C-alpha atoms as a PDB file:
ATOM      1  CA  MET A   1     -12.518  63.496  27.248  1.00  0.00           C
ATOM      2  CA  HIS A   2     -16.192  64.227  26.194  1.00  0.00           C
ATOM      3  CA  ILE A   3     -17.051  62.727  23.535  1.00  0.00           C
ATOM      4  CA  LYS A   4     -20.579  63.819  21.288  1.00  0.00           C
ATOM      5  CA  PRO A   5     -23.365  61.548  20.945  1.00  0.00           C
ATOM      6  CA  GLY A   6     -23.069  61.137  17.325  1.00  0.00           C
ATOM      7  CA  SER A   7     -19.277  60.387  17.693  1.00  0.00           C
ATOM      8  CA  ARG A   8     -19.816  57.949  20.196  1.00  0.00           C
ATOM      9  CA  ARG A   9     -21.862  55.971  17.331  1.00  0.00           C
ATOM     10  CA  TRP A  10     -18.926  56.324  14.779  1.00  0.00           C
ATOM     11  CA  LEU A  11     -16.722  55.000  17.612  1.00  0.00           C
ATOM     12  CA  GLY A  12     -18.639  51.819  18.173  1.00  0.00           C
ATOM     13  CA  LEU A  13     -18.645  51.352  14.547  1.00  0.00           C
ATOM     14  CA  LEU A  14     -14.954  51.707  14.259  1.00  0.00           C
ATOM     15  CA  LEU A  15     -14.683  49.418  17.377  1.00  0.00           C
ATOM     16  CA  VAL A  16     -16.619  46.783  15.562  1.00  0.00           C
ATOM     17  CA  VAL A  17     -14.174  47.063  12.052  1.00  0.00           C
ATOM     18  CA  TRP A  18     -11.231  47.093  14.195  1.00  0.00           C
ATOM     19  CA  LEU A  19     -12.208  43.986  16.048  1.00  0.00           C
ATOM     20  CA  VAL A  20     -13.141  42.123  12.681  1.00  0.00           C
ATOM     21  CA  GLY A  21     -10.000  43.008  11.115  1.00  0.00           C
ATOM     22  CA  MET A  22      -7.686  41.874  13.983  1.00  0.00           C
ATOM     23  CA  LEU A  23      -9.884  38.791  14.633  1.00  0.00           C
ATOM     24  CA  PHE A  24     -10.152  37.302  10.672  1.00  0.00           C
ATOM     25  CA  PRO A  25      -7.380  35.137   9.973  1.00  0.00           C
ATOM     26  CA  MET A  26      -5.454  37.626   7.254  1.00  0.00           C
ATOM     27  CA  ALA A  27      -3.156  34.812   5.974  1.00  0.00           C
ATOM     28  CA  LEU A  28      -6.284  32.707   5.178  1.00  0.00           C
ATOM     29  CA  PRO A  29      -6.912  33.955   1.614  1.00  0.00           C
ATOM     30  CA  GLY A  30      -3.289  33.047   0.717  1.00  0.00           C
ATOM     31  CA  LYS A  31      -4.184  29.434   1.134  1.00  0.00           C
ATOM     32  CA  SER A  32      -6.069  29.603  -2.512  1.00  0.00           C
ATOM     33  CA  TRP A  33      -4.775  32.663  -3.884  1.00  0.00           C
ATOM     34  CA  THR A  34      -1.002  32.999  -4.713  1.00  0.00           C
ATOM     35  CA  ALA A  35      -0.192  36.384  -5.432  1.00  0.00           C
ATOM     36  CA  TYR A  36      -2.072  37.248  -1.922  1.00  0.00           C
ATOM     37  CA  ARG A  37      -0.015  35.034  -0.351  1.00  0.00           C
ATOM     38  CA  ASN A  38       3.233  36.409  -1.699  1.00  0.00           C
ATOM     39  CA  VAL A  39       2.312  39.639  -1.104  1.00  0.00           C
ATOM     40  CA  PHE A  40       0.936  38.738   2.477  1.00  0.00           C
ATOM     41  CA  ASN A  41       4.480  36.853   3.355  1.00  0.00           C
ATOM     42  CA  ALA A  42       6.661  39.624   1.679  1.00  0.00           C
ATOM     43  CA  VAL A  43       4.867  42.302   4.115  1.00  0.00           C
ATOM     44  CA  PHE A  44       4.402  40.132   7.239  1.00  0.00           C
ATOM     45  CA  HIS A  45       7.437  38.136   6.931  1.00  0.00           C
ATOM     46  CA  PRO A  46      10.100  39.892   8.863  1.00  0.00           C
ATOM     47  CA  GLN A  47       9.306  39.481  12.983  1.00  0.00           C
ATOM     48  CA  TRP A  48       9.772  43.341  13.584  1.00  0.00           C
ATOM     49  CA  VAL A  49       6.841  43.877  11.258  1.00  0.00           C
ATOM     50  CA  HIS A  50       4.623  41.476  12.997  1.00  0.00           C
ATOM     51  CA  VAL A  51       5.413  42.963  16.121  1.00  0.00           C
ATOM     52  CA  VAL A  52       4.349  46.654  15.417  1.00  0.00           C
ATOM     53  CA  MET A  53       1.350  45.134  13.847  1.00  0.00           C
ATOM     54  CA  HIS A  54       0.161  43.346  17.195  1.00  0.00           C
ATOM     55  CA  LEU A  55       1.464  46.566  19.128  1.00  0.00           C
ATOM     56  CA  ALA A  56      -0.380  49.120  16.746  1.00  0.00           C
ATOM     57  CA  LEU A  57      -3.531  47.052  16.393  1.00  0.00           C
ATOM     58  CA  PHE A  58      -3.642  46.410  20.763  1.00  0.00           C
ATOM     59  CA  THR A  59      -2.802  50.076  21.667  1.00  0.00           C
ATOM     60  CA  GLY A  60      -5.565  50.885  19.358  1.00  0.00           C
ATOM     61  CA  LEU A  61      -8.120  48.494  20.715  1.00  0.00           C
ATOM     62  CA  ALA A  62      -7.440  49.525  24.241  1.00  0.00           C
ATOM     63  CA  LEU A  63      -7.448  53.632  23.176  1.00  0.00           C
ATOM     64  CA  LEU A  64     -10.994  52.805  21.551  1.00  0.00           C
ATOM     65  CA  LEU A  65     -12.728  50.915  24.373  1.00  0.00           C
ATOM     66  CA  GLY A  66     -11.102  53.238  26.638  1.00  0.00           C
ATOM     67  CA  ILE A  67     -12.639  56.486  24.682  1.00  0.00           C
ATOM     68  CA  LEU A  68     -15.578  54.976  24.072  1.00  0.00           C
ATOM     69  CA  PHE A  69     -16.808  53.606  27.235  1.00  0.00           C
ATOM     70  CA  HIS A  70     -15.139  56.964  29.259  1.00  0.00           C
ATOM     71  CA  MET A  71     -12.619  54.973  30.897  1.00  0.00           C
ATOM     72  CA  GLN A  72     -10.527  56.921  33.625  1.00  0.00           C
ATOM     73  CA  ALA A  73      -7.001  56.010  34.764  1.00  0.00           C
ATOM     74  CA  GLY A  74      -7.070  53.645  37.416  1.00  0.00           C
ATOM     75  CA  TRP A  75      -6.128  50.074  38.010  1.00  0.00           C
ATOM     76  CA  ARG A  76      -9.688  48.758  37.335  1.00  0.00           C
ATOM     77  CA  THR A  77      -9.291  50.543  33.407  1.00  0.00           C
ATOM     78  CA  LEU A  78      -5.733  48.920  32.886  1.00  0.00           C
ATOM     79  CA  GLY A  79      -6.954  45.529  34.604  1.00  0.00           C
ATOM     80  CA  LEU A  80     -10.468  45.362  32.094  1.00  0.00           C
ATOM     81  CA  LEU A  81      -8.271  46.915  29.023  1.00  0.00           C
ATOM     82  CA  LEU A  82      -5.578  43.739  30.000  1.00  0.00           C
ATOM     83  CA  ALA A  83      -8.710  41.182  30.037  1.00  0.00           C
ATOM     84  CA  ALA A  84      -9.909  42.583  26.659  1.00  0.00           C
ATOM     85  CA  ALA A  85      -6.964  42.492  25.211  1.00  0.00           C
ATOM     86  CA  MET A  86      -6.038  38.874  26.104  1.00  0.00           C
ATOM     87  CA  LEU A  87      -9.969  37.986  25.280  1.00  0.00           C
ATOM     88  CA  VAL A  88      -9.234  39.188  21.705  1.00  0.00           C
ATOM     89  CA  GLY A  89      -6.027  38.027  21.559  1.00  0.00           C
ATOM     90  CA  VAL A  90      -6.727  34.340  22.565  1.00  0.00           C
ATOM     91  CA  GLY A  91      -9.672  34.604  19.889  1.00  0.00           C
ATOM     92  CA  GLN A  92      -7.226  35.915  17.274  1.00  0.00           C
ATOM     93  CA  GLU A  93      -4.396  32.831  17.793  1.00  0.00           C
ATOM     94  CA  ILE A  94      -7.762  30.195  18.018  1.00  0.00           C
ATOM     95  CA  LEU A  95      -8.678  31.507  14.842  1.00  0.00           C
ATOM     96  CA  GLN A  96      -5.397  31.829  13.343  1.00  0.00           C
ATOM     97  CA  ALA A  97      -4.568  28.368  14.295  1.00  0.00           C
ATOM     98  CA  LEU A  98      -7.684  27.034  12.933  1.00  0.00           C
ATOM     99  CA  SER A  99      -7.445  28.580   9.625  1.00  0.00           C
ATOM    100  CA  GLN A 100      -3.639  27.393   9.391  1.00  0.00           C
ATOM    101  CA  GLY A 101      -4.182  23.911  10.661  1.00  0.00           C
ATOM    102  CA  PHE A 102      -1.531  24.011  13.420  1.00  0.00           C
ATOM    103  CA  PHE A 103      -0.981  25.553  16.958  1.00  0.00           C
ATOM    104  CA  TYR A 104       2.331  26.825  17.769  1.00  0.00           C
ATOM    105  CA  SER A 105       2.294  27.628  21.086  1.00  0.00           C
ATOM    106  CA  GLY A 106       5.617  29.065  21.638  1.00  0.00           C
ATOM    107  CA  GLY A 107       4.463  31.508  19.240  1.00  0.00           C
ATOM    108  CA  ALA A 108       1.187  32.156  21.115  1.00  0.00           C
ATOM    109  CA  VAL A 109       2.599  33.147  23.899  1.00  0.00           C
ATOM    110  CA  PHE A 110       4.755  35.708  22.218  1.00  0.00           C
ATOM    111  CA  ASP A 111       1.983  37.352  20.582  1.00  0.00           C
ATOM    112  CA  LEU A 112      -0.087  37.506  23.750  1.00  0.00           C
ATOM    113  CA  GLY A 113       2.791  38.952  25.371  1.00  0.00           C
ATOM    114  CA  ILE A 114       2.980  42.060  22.926  1.00  0.00           C
ATOM    115  CA  ASP A 115      -0.659  42.178  22.918  1.00  0.00           C
ATOM    116  CA  LEU A 116      -0.574  43.252  26.367  1.00  0.00           C
ATOM    117  CA  LEU A 117       1.960  45.223  25.906  1.00  0.00           C
ATOM    118  CA  GLY A 118       0.053  46.582  23.158  1.00  0.00           C
ATOM    119  CA  ALA A 119      -3.385  47.474  25.698  1.00  0.00           C
ATOM    120  CA  SER A 120      -0.425  48.769  28.231  1.00  0.00           C
ATOM    121  CA  VAL A 121       0.639  51.282  25.799  1.00  0.00           C
ATOM    122  CA  GLY A 122      -3.144  52.109  24.976  1.00  0.00           C
ATOM    123  CA  TYR A 123      -3.812  52.593  28.932  1.00  0.00           C
ATOM    124  CA  LEU A 124      -0.800  55.112  29.391  1.00  0.00           C
ATOM    125  CA  THR A 125      -1.936  56.942  26.191  1.00  0.00           C
ATOM    126  CA  LEU A 126      -5.253  57.342  27.733  1.00  0.00           C
ATOM    127  CA  LYS A 127      -4.129  58.270  31.059  1.00  0.00           C
ATOM    128  CA  VAL A 128      -1.841  61.472  29.259  1.00  0.00           C
ATOM    129  CA  ILE A 129      -5.193  62.224  27.107  1.00  0.00           C
ATOM    130  CA  HIS A 130      -7.128  62.828  30.597  1.00  0.00           C
ATOM    131  CA  LYS A 131      -4.652  64.968  32.087  1.00  0.00           C
END
């Protein structure tokens, strides 16, 4: 897939915004804003919503990286996308733990597994796009 030079700039900006959105501890404002906390908990409390959000975010991350950097399907690309997902996922878990004041390793490992699954879905989607 060929990307026009102007589109590449927008994709880069979208990637930065995507990463900031992924890394910002979304529950943090709820510490001092009750209305936000109530809405956040109502929306994100169900486990399935949490799983779907992680899948979507990391599928999108892998797709954005793959398209932006013209990655072709192959083991190297899969490895790079999984490594990027792991790096961002670990960063996300660390920032979340710092903002909440505690770290639950079971939840973090589960989230990282879902993140890697999402990156794999992004890779497979990239592979289909390039056919």
